[in-house]
PDB file of N, CA and C in Angstrom:
ATOM      1  N   MET A   1     109.447  72.159 129.153  1.00  0.00           N
ATOM      2  CA  MET A   1     109.229  73.147 128.120  1.00  0.00           C
ATOM      3  C   MET A   1     107.781  73.645 128.239  1.00  0.00           C
ATOM      4  N   LYS A   2     107.627  74.951 128.299  1.00  0.00           N
ATOM      5  CA  LYS A   2     106.303  75.542 128.461  1.00  0.00           C
ATOM      6  C   LYS A   2     105.520  75.464 127.156  1.00  0.00           C
ATOM      7  N   THR A   3     104.258  75.033 127.242  1.00  0.00           N
ATOM      8  CA  THR A   3     103.366  75.069 126.082  1.00  0.00           C
ATOM      9  C   THR A   3     102.317  76.160 126.298  1.00  0.00           C
ATOM     10  N   TYR A   4     101.831  76.679 125.203  1.00  0.00           N
ATOM     11  CA  TYR A   4     100.823  77.728 125.245  1.00  0.00           C
ATOM     12  C   TYR A   4      99.437  77.130 125.055  1.00  0.00           C
ATOM     13  N   SER A   5      98.486  77.641 125.807  1.00  0.00           N
ATOM     14  CA  SER A   5      97.090  77.298 125.569  1.00  0.00           C
ATOM     15  C   SER A   5      96.604  78.147 124.400  1.00  0.00           C
ATOM     16  N   GLU A   6      95.463  77.795 123.855  1.00  0.00           N
ATOM     17  CA  GLU A   6      94.910  78.588 122.764  1.00  0.00           C
ATOM     18  C   GLU A   6      94.690  80.032 123.213  1.00  0.00           C
ATOM     19  N   GLU A   7      94.200  80.193 124.426  1.00  0.00           N
ATOM     20  CA  GLU A   7      93.927  81.527 124.956  1.00  0.00           C
ATOM     21  C   GLU A   7      95.208  82.345 125.139  1.00  0.00           C
ATOM     22  N   SER A   8      96.233  81.738 125.726  1.00  0.00           N
ATOM     23  CA  SER A   8      97.473  82.475 125.973  1.00  0.00           C
ATOM     24  C   SER A   8      98.242  82.771 124.683  1.00  0.00           C
ATOM     25  N   LEU A   9      97.955  82.010 123.650  1.00  0.00           N
ATOM     26  CA  LEU A   9      98.646  82.171 122.372  1.00  0.00           C
ATOM     27  C   LEU A   9      98.053  83.287 121.516  1.00  0.00           C
ATOM     28  N   GLN A  10      96.797  83.614 121.719  1.00  0.00           N
ATOM     29  CA  GLN A  10      96.116  84.583 120.849  1.00  0.00           C
ATOM     30  C   GLN A  10      96.831  85.928 120.733  1.00  0.00           C
ATOM     31  N   PRO A  11      97.278  86.532 121.829  1.00  0.00           N
ATOM     32  CA  PRO A  11      97.991  87.817 121.675  1.00  0.00           C
ATOM     33  C   PRO A  11      99.280  87.682 120.852  1.00  0.00           C
ATOM     34  N   LEU A  12      99.949  86.549 120.962  1.00  0.00           N
ATOM     35  CA  LEU A  12     101.196  86.330 120.225  1.00  0.00           C
ATOM     36  C   LEU A  12     100.936  86.103 118.739  1.00  0.00           C
ATOM     37  N   LEU A  13      99.795  85.492 118.421  1.00  0.00           N
ATOM     38  CA  LEU A  13      99.467  85.229 117.017  1.00  0.00           C
ATOM     39  C   LEU A  13      99.109  86.503 116.263  1.00  0.00           C
ATOM     40  N   LYS A  14      98.745  87.554 116.970  1.00  0.00           N
ATOM     41  CA  LYS A  14      98.414  88.811 116.302  1.00  0.00           C
ATOM     42  C   LYS A  14      99.611  89.375 115.556  1.00  0.00           C
ATOM     43  N   ASP A  15     100.811  89.039 116.013  1.00  0.00           N
ATOM     44  CA  ASP A  15     102.031  89.495 115.345  1.00  0.00           C
ATOM     45  C   ASP A  15     102.427  88.596 114.174  1.00  0.00           C
ATOM     46  N   LEU A  16     101.733  87.467 114.034  1.00  0.00           N
ATOM     47  CA  LEU A  16     102.024  86.520 112.962  1.00  0.00           C
ATOM     48  C   LEU A  16     100.820  86.480 112.022  1.00  0.00           C
ATOM     49  N   LYS A  17     100.950  87.067 110.862  1.00  0.00           N
ATOM     50  CA  LYS A  17      99.831  87.213 109.930  1.00  0.00           C
ATOM     51  C   LYS A  17      99.288  85.862 109.454  1.00  0.00           C
ATOM     52  N   ASP A  18      98.013  85.648 109.723  1.00  0.00           N
ATOM     53  CA  ASP A  18      97.246  84.500 109.218  1.00  0.00           C
ATOM     54  C   ASP A  18      97.630  83.143 109.820  1.00  0.00           C
ATOM     55  N   TRP A  19      98.399  83.114 110.889  1.00  0.00           N
ATOM     56  CA  TRP A  19      98.656  81.859 111.587  1.00  0.00           C
ATOM     57  C   TRP A  19      97.494  81.621 112.548  1.00  0.00           C
ATOM     58  N   THR A  20      97.006  80.376 112.594  1.00  0.00           N
ATOM     59  CA  THR A  20      95.875  80.055 113.470  1.00  0.00           C
ATOM     60  C   THR A  20      96.205  78.841 114.329  1.00  0.00           C
ATOM     61  N   PHE A  21      95.599  78.813 115.494  1.00  0.00           N
ATOM     62  CA  PHE A  21      95.764  77.694 116.414  1.00  0.00           C
ATOM     63  C   PHE A  21      94.768  76.602 116.031  1.00  0.00           C
ATOM     64  N   ILE A  22      95.274  75.395 115.781  1.00  0.00           N
ATOM     65  CA  ILE A  22      94.430  74.252 115.430  1.00  0.00           C
ATOM     66  C   ILE A  22      95.049  73.004 116.061  1.00  0.00           C
ATOM     67  N   ASN A  23      94.289  72.300 116.874  1.00  0.00           N
ATOM     68  CA  ASN A  23      94.732  71.010 117.433  1.00  0.00           C
ATOM     69  C   ASN A  23      96.139  71.040 118.012  1.00  0.00           C
ATOM     70  N   ASN A  24      96.386  71.920 118.965  1.00  0.00           N
ATOM     71  CA  ASN A  24      97.677  72.022 119.654  1.00  0.00           C
ATOM     72  C   ASN A  24      98.844  72.355 118.735  1.00  0.00           C
ATOM     73  N   GLY A  25      98.557  73.079 117.675  1.00  0.00           N
ATOM     74  CA  GLY A  25      99.599  73.541 116.773  1.00  0.00           C
ATOM     75  C   GLY A  25      99.181  74.853 116.142  1.00  0.00           C
ATOM     76  N   ILE A  26     100.080  75.468 115.405  1.00  0.00           N
ATOM     77  CA  ILE A  26      99.729  76.653 114.634  1.00  0.00           C
ATOM     78  C   ILE A  26      99.946  76.341 113.160  1.00  0.00           C
ATOM     79  N   GLU A  27      99.038  76.863 112.329  1.00  0.00           N
ATOM     80  CA  GLU A  27      99.071  76.561 110.906  1.00  0.00           C
ATOM     81  C   GLU A  27      98.871  77.820 110.082  1.00  0.00           C
ATOM     82  N   LYS A  28      99.442  77.755 108.878  1.00  0.00           N
ATOM     83  CA  LYS A  28      99.228  78.826 107.914  1.00  0.00           C
ATOM     84  C   LYS A  28      99.225  78.233 106.513  1.00  0.00           C
ATOM     85  N   ASN A  29      98.340  78.754 105.676  1.00  0.00           N
ATOM     86  CA  ASN A  29      98.264  78.369 104.269  1.00  0.00           C
ATOM     87  C   ASN A  29      98.943  79.423 103.413  1.00  0.00           C
ATOM     88  N   PHE A  30      99.712  78.967 102.444  1.00  0.00           N
ATOM     89  CA  PHE A  30     100.404  79.838 101.501  1.00  0.00           C
ATOM     90  C   PHE A  30      99.978  79.456 100.093  1.00  0.00           C
ATOM     91  N   LYS A  31      99.898  80.430  99.205  1.00  0.00           N
ATOM     92  CA  LYS A  31      99.555  80.161  97.808  1.00  0.00           C
ATOM     93  C   LYS A  31     100.562  80.865  96.909  1.00  0.00           C
ATOM     94  N   PHE A  32     101.045  80.157  95.897  1.00  0.00           N
ATOM     95  CA  PHE A  32     102.062  80.655  94.985  1.00  0.00           C
ATOM     96  C   PHE A  32     101.547  80.606  93.554  1.00  0.00           C
ATOM     97  N   LEU A  33     102.308  81.164  92.632  1.00  0.00           N
ATOM     98  CA  LEU A  33     101.889  81.171  91.234  1.00  0.00           C
ATOM     99  C   LEU A  33     101.859  79.775  90.619  1.00  0.00           C
ATOM    100  N   ASP A  34     102.810  78.931  91.038  1.00  0.00           N
ATOM    101  CA  ASP A  34     102.889  77.597  90.446  1.00  0.00           C
ATOM    102  C   ASP A  34     103.621  76.642  91.393  1.00  0.00           C
ATOM    103  N   PHE A  35     103.747  75.412  90.961  1.00  0.00           N
ATOM    104  CA  PHE A  35     104.392  74.379  91.772  1.00  0.00           C
ATOM    105  C   PHE A  35     105.854  74.705  92.035  1.00  0.00           C
ATOM    106  N   THR A  36     106.550  75.243  91.042  1.00  0.00           N
ATOM    107  CA  THR A  36     107.967  75.547  91.204  1.00  0.00           C
ATOM    108  C   THR A  36     108.196  76.547  92.337  1.00  0.00           C
ATOM    109  N   GLN A  37     107.381  77.589  92.395  1.00  0.00           N
ATOM    110  CA  GLN A  37     107.515  78.560  93.476  1.00  0.00           C
ATOM    111  C   GLN A  37     107.170  77.943  94.826  1.00  0.00           C
ATOM    112  N   ALA A  38     106.145  77.112  94.851  1.00  0.00           N
ATOM    113  CA  ALA A  38     105.757  76.458  96.102  1.00  0.00           C
ATOM    114  C   ALA A  38     106.885  75.553  96.594  1.00  0.00           C
ATOM    115  N   LEU A  39     107.476  74.795  95.692  1.00  0.00           N
ATOM    116  CA  LEU A  39     108.557  73.888  96.060  1.00  0.00           C
ATOM    117  C   LEU A  39     109.788  74.657  96.531  1.00  0.00           C
ATOM    118  N   GLY A  40     110.100  75.753  95.874  1.00  0.00           N
ATOM    119  CA  GLY A  40     111.228  76.582  96.298  1.00  0.00           C
ATOM    120  C   GLY A  40     111.026  77.109  97.712  1.00  0.00           C
ATOM    121  N   PHE A  41     109.798  77.519  98.015  1.00  0.00           N
ATOM    122  CA  PHE A  41     109.471  77.995  99.356  1.00  0.00           C
ATOM    123  C   PHE A  41     109.664  76.873 100.379  1.00  0.00           C
ATOM    124  N   ILE A  42     109.211  75.682 100.057  1.00  0.00           N
ATOM    125  CA  ILE A  42     109.362  74.537 100.965  1.00  0.00           C
ATOM    126  C   ILE A  42     110.839  74.277 101.248  1.00  0.00           C
ATOM    127  N   VAL A  43     111.660  74.355 100.237  1.00  0.00           N
ATOM    128  CA  VAL A  43     113.101  74.126 100.420  1.00  0.00           C
ATOM    129  C   VAL A  43     113.691  75.191 101.348  1.00  0.00           C
ATOM    130  N   ARG A  44     113.310  76.447 101.156  1.00  0.00           N
ATOM    131  CA  ARG A  44     113.823  77.524 102.025  1.00  0.00           C
ATOM    132  C   ARG A  44     113.365  77.323 103.469  1.00  0.00           C
ATOM    133  N   VAL A  45     112.114  76.907 103.646  1.00  0.00           N
ATOM    134  CA  VAL A  45     111.626  76.606 104.998  1.00  0.00           C
ATOM    135  C   VAL A  45     112.428  75.456 105.592  1.00  0.00           C
ATOM    136  N   GLY A  46     112.702  74.458 104.783  1.00  0.00           N
ATOM    137  CA  GLY A  46     113.468  73.303 105.253  1.00  0.00           C
ATOM    138  C   GLY A  46     114.866  73.670 105.730  1.00  0.00           C
ATOM    139  N   VAL A  47     115.515  74.570 105.035  1.00  0.00           N
ATOM    140  CA  VAL A  47     116.857  75.007 105.431  1.00  0.00           C
ATOM    141  C   VAL A  47     116.801  75.710 106.789  1.00  0.00           C
ATOM    142  N   ILE A  48     115.843  76.607 106.948  1.00  0.00           N
ATOM    143  CA  ILE A  48     115.689  77.313 108.233  1.00  0.00           C
ATOM    144  C   ILE A  48     115.373  76.323 109.353  1.00  0.00           C
ATOM    145  N   ALA A  49     114.465  75.401 109.076  1.00  0.00           N
ATOM    146  CA  ALA A  49     114.058  74.429 110.092  1.00  0.00           C
ATOM    147  C   ALA A  49     115.237  73.544 110.508  1.00  0.00           C
ATOM    148  N   GLU A  50     116.021  73.120 109.547  1.00  0.00           N
ATOM    149  CA  GLU A  50     117.170  72.261 109.860  1.00  0.00           C
ATOM    150  C   GLU A  50     118.178  72.991 110.732  1.00  0.00           C
ATOM    151  N   LYS A  51     118.433  74.252 110.432  1.00  0.00           N
ATOM    152  CA  LYS A  51     119.369  75.038 111.236  1.00  0.00           C
ATOM    153  C   LYS A  51     118.884  75.185 112.672  1.00  0.00           C
ATOM    154  N   ARG A  52     117.568  75.222 112.850  1.00  0.00           N
ATOM    155  CA  ARG A  52     116.991  75.382 114.187  1.00  0.00           C
ATOM    156  C   ARG A  52     116.683  74.039 114.849  1.00  0.00           C
ATOM    157  N   ASP A  53     116.896  72.953 114.120  1.00  0.00           N
ATOM    158  CA  ASP A  53     116.596  71.607 114.608  1.00  0.00           C
ATOM    159  C   ASP A  53     115.148  71.520 115.121  1.00  0.00           C
ATOM    160  N   HIS A  54     114.257  72.125 114.347  1.00  0.00           N
ATOM    161  CA  HIS A  54     112.827  72.099 114.666  1.00  0.00           C
ATOM    162  C   HIS A  54     112.072  72.010 113.345  1.00  0.00           C
ATOM    163  N   HIS A  55     111.424  70.890 113.125  1.00  0.00           N
ATOM    164  CA  HIS A  55     110.933  70.576 111.793  1.00  0.00           C
ATOM    165  C   HIS A  55     109.413  70.654 111.701  1.00  0.00           C
ATOM    166  N   PRO A  56     108.913  71.419 110.726  1.00  0.00           N
ATOM    167  CA  PRO A  56     107.477  71.595 110.559  1.00  0.00           C
ATOM    168  C   PRO A  56     106.850  70.426 109.813  1.00  0.00           C
ATOM    169  N   GLU A  57     105.538  70.367 109.897  1.00  0.00           N
ATOM    170  CA  GLU A  57     104.769  69.482 109.029  1.00  0.00           C
ATOM    171  C   GLU A  57     104.444  70.317 107.794  1.00  0.00           C
ATOM    172  N   LEU A  58     104.808  69.808 106.632  1.00  0.00           N
ATOM    173  CA  LEU A  58     104.619  70.529 105.373  1.00  0.00           C
ATOM    174  C   LEU A  58     103.684  69.740 104.476  1.00  0.00           C
ATOM    175  N   PHE A  59     102.692  70.422 103.906  1.00  0.00           N
ATOM    176  CA  PHE A  59     101.734  69.798 102.999  1.00  0.00           C
ATOM    177  C   PHE A  59     101.690  70.622 101.725  1.00  0.00           C
ATOM    178  N   ASN A  60     101.808  69.966 100.580  1.00  0.00           N
ATOM    179  CA  ASN A  60     101.865  70.675  99.305  1.00  0.00           C
ATOM    180  C   ASN A  60     100.950  70.025  98.287  1.00  0.00           C
ATOM    181  N   VAL A  61     100.131  70.846  97.653  1.00  0.00           N
ATOM    182  CA  VAL A  61      99.350  70.431  96.494  1.00  0.00           C
ATOM    183  C   VAL A  61      99.497  71.531  95.454  1.00  0.00           C
ATOM    184  N   TYR A  62     100.192  71.209  94.389  1.00  0.00           N
ATOM    185  CA  TYR A  62     100.493  72.113  93.281  1.00  0.00           C
ATOM    186  C   TYR A  62     101.060  73.442  93.785  1.00  0.00           C
ATOM    187  N   ASN A  63     100.257  74.492  93.811  1.00  0.00           N
ATOM    188  CA  ASN A  63     100.793  75.809  94.192  1.00  0.00           C
ATOM    189  C   ASN A  63     100.412  76.205  95.619  1.00  0.00           C
ATOM    190  N   LYS A  64      99.902  75.270  96.392  1.00  0.00           N
ATOM    191  CA  LYS A  64      99.481  75.557  97.763  1.00  0.00           C
ATOM    192  C   LYS A  64     100.352  74.797  98.756  1.00  0.00           C
ATOM    193  N   VAL A  65     100.735  75.505  99.831  1.00  0.00           N
ATOM    194  CA  VAL A  65     101.542  74.905 100.893  1.00  0.00           C
ATOM    195  C   VAL A  65     100.873  75.242 102.221  1.00  0.00           C
ATOM    196  N   THR A  66     100.703  74.225 103.054  1.00  0.00           N
ATOM    197  CA  THR A  66     100.247  74.433 104.421  1.00  0.00           C
ATOM    198  C   THR A  66     101.381  74.031 105.341  1.00  0.00           C
ATOM    199  N   ILE A  67     101.677  74.899 106.295  1.00  0.00           N
ATOM    200  CA  ILE A  67     102.705  74.604 107.292  1.00  0.00           C
ATOM    201  C   ILE A  67     102.027  74.480 108.646  1.00  0.00           C
ATOM    202  N   ARG A  68     102.361  73.432 109.353  1.00  0.00           N
ATOM    203  CA  ARG A  68     101.863  73.211 110.709  1.00  0.00           C
ATOM    204  C   ARG A  68     103.057  73.108 111.641  1.00  0.00           C
ATOM    205  N   LEU A  69     103.027  73.881 112.709  1.00  0.00           N
ATOM    206  CA  LEU A  69     104.102  73.871 113.688  1.00  0.00           C
ATOM    207  C   LEU A  69     103.553  73.426 115.036  1.00  0.00           C
ATOM    208  N   THR A  70     104.204  72.473 115.628  1.00  0.00           N
ATOM    209  CA  THR A  70     103.909  72.020 116.973  1.00  0.00           C
ATOM    210  C   THR A  70     105.166  71.351 117.505  1.00  0.00           C
ATOM    211  N   THR A  71     105.371  71.424 118.794  1.00  0.00           N
ATOM    212  CA  THR A  71     106.522  70.760 119.390  1.00  0.00           C
ATOM    213  C   THR A  71     106.026  69.403 119.889  1.00  0.00           C
ATOM    214  N   HIS A  72     106.339  68.353 119.137  1.00  0.00           N
ATOM    215  CA  HIS A  72     105.778  67.026 119.405  1.00  0.00           C
ATOM    216  C   HIS A  72     106.139  66.505 120.790  1.00  0.00           C
ATOM    217  N   ASP A  73     107.384  66.700 121.225  1.00  0.00           N
ATOM    218  CA  ASP A  73     107.766  66.159 122.527  1.00  0.00           C
ATOM    219  C   ASP A  73     107.168  66.943 123.688  1.00  0.00           C
ATOM    220  N   ALA A  74     106.583  68.110 123.407  1.00  0.00           N
ATOM    221  CA  ALA A  74     105.894  68.892 124.442  1.00  0.00           C
ATOM    222  C   ALA A  74     104.374  68.818 124.272  1.00  0.00           C
ATOM    223  N   SER A  75     103.937  68.190 123.199  1.00  0.00           N
ATOM    224  CA  SER A  75     102.504  68.038 122.892  1.00  0.00           C
ATOM    225  C   SER A  75     101.772  69.370 122.791  1.00  0.00           C
ATOM    226  N   GLY A  76     102.413  70.340 122.154  1.00  0.00           N
ATOM    227  CA  GLY A  76     101.754  71.622 121.979  1.00  0.00           C
ATOM    228  C   GLY A  76     102.671  72.675 121.394  1.00  0.00           C
ATOM    229  N   VAL A  77     102.188  73.898 121.404  1.00  0.00           N
ATOM    230  CA  VAL A  77     102.929  75.035 120.852  1.00  0.00           C
ATOM    231  C   VAL A  77     103.876  75.588 121.912  1.00  0.00           C
ATOM    232  N   THR A  78     105.134  75.754 121.527  1.00  0.00           N
ATOM    233  CA  THR A  78     106.159  76.313 122.409  1.00  0.00           C
ATOM    234  C   THR A  78     106.828  77.494 121.719  1.00  0.00           C
ATOM    235  N   ASP A  79     107.776  78.092 122.415  1.00  0.00           N
ATOM    236  CA  ASP A  79     108.537  79.194 121.826  1.00  0.00           C
ATOM    237  C   ASP A  79     109.263  78.759 120.557  1.00  0.00           C
ATOM    238  N   LYS A  80     109.644  77.489 120.462  1.00  0.00           N
ATOM    239  CA  LYS A  80     110.310  77.003 119.254  1.00  0.00           C
ATOM    240  C   LYS A  80     109.415  77.196 118.031  1.00  0.00           C
ATOM    241  N   ASP A  81     108.126  76.936 118.200  1.00  0.00           N
ATOM    242  CA  ASP A  81     107.185  77.079 117.087  1.00  0.00           C
ATOM    243  C   ASP A  81     107.002  78.535 116.699  1.00  0.00           C
ATOM    244  N   LEU A  82     106.884  79.380 117.693  1.00  0.00           N
ATOM    245  CA  LEU A  82     106.721  80.813 117.425  1.00  0.00           C
ATOM    246  C   LEU A  82     107.957  81.394 116.759  1.00  0.00           C
ATOM    247  N   ASP A  83     109.135  80.985 117.214  1.00  0.00           N
ATOM    248  CA  ASP A  83     110.379  81.462 116.609  1.00  0.00           C
ATOM    249  C   ASP A  83     110.486  81.022 115.144  1.00  0.00           C
ATOM    250  N   LEU A  84     110.120  79.773 114.879  1.00  0.00           N
ATOM    251  CA  LEU A  84     110.176  79.283 113.496  1.00  0.00           C
ATOM    252  C   LEU A  84     109.132  79.984 112.638  1.00  0.00           C
ATOM    253  N   ALA A  85     107.951  80.214 113.152  1.00  0.00           N
ATOM    254  CA  ALA A  85     106.924  80.953 112.403  1.00  0.00           C
ATOM    255  C   ALA A  85     107.414  82.345 112.060  1.00  0.00           C
ATOM    256  N   ARG A  86     108.058  83.006 112.986  1.00  0.00           N
ATOM    257  CA  ARG A  86     108.594  84.353 112.714  1.00  0.00           C
ATOM    258  C   ARG A  86     109.656  84.302 111.615  1.00  0.00           C
ATOM    259  N   ALA A  87     110.496  83.290 111.653  1.00  0.00           N
ATOM    260  CA  ALA A  87     111.533  83.143 110.620  1.00  0.00           C
ATOM    261  C   ALA A  87     110.903  82.871 109.242  1.00  0.00           C
ATOM    262  N   ILE A  88     109.873  82.059 109.217  1.00  0.00           N
ATOM    263  CA  ILE A  88     109.175  81.759 107.956  1.00  0.00           C
ATOM    264  C   ILE A  88     108.550  83.024 107.404  1.00  0.00           C
ATOM    265  N   GLU A  89     108.025  83.861 108.263  1.00  0.00           N
ATOM    266  CA  GLU A  89     107.413  85.116 107.834  1.00  0.00           C
ATOM    267  C   GLU A  89     108.427  86.042 107.159  1.00  0.00           C
ATOM    268  N   GLN A  90     109.693  85.875 107.438  1.00  0.00           N
ATOM    269  CA  GLN A  90     110.731  86.722 106.856  1.00  0.00           C
ATOM    270  C   GLN A  90     111.126  86.291 105.445  1.00  0.00           C
ATOM    271  N   LEU A  91     110.670  85.110 105.018  1.00  0.00           N
ATOM    272  CA  LEU A  91     111.035  84.627 103.674  1.00  0.00           C
ATOM    273  C   LEU A  91     110.344  85.447 102.586  1.00  0.00           C
TER     274      LEU A  91
END
């Protein structure tokens, strides 16, 4: 499975608003009005991730959610991560 370097990933990240490359993964922070909205978003992400059999790292504090995508068995960012990021952007 091909992994992207930080340099090769930069042009692809331009199409994904506010996603950044950090430690062999891509991350984005989301902010919602309250915990209920943040939790609902996490559940919707979980449904998409399960259907794709590719699971993100999710971090939640009250109304803030951080999503980190990396393909663990490839030790880096792959097309699976980019595809899931694009799907998350559609929510």
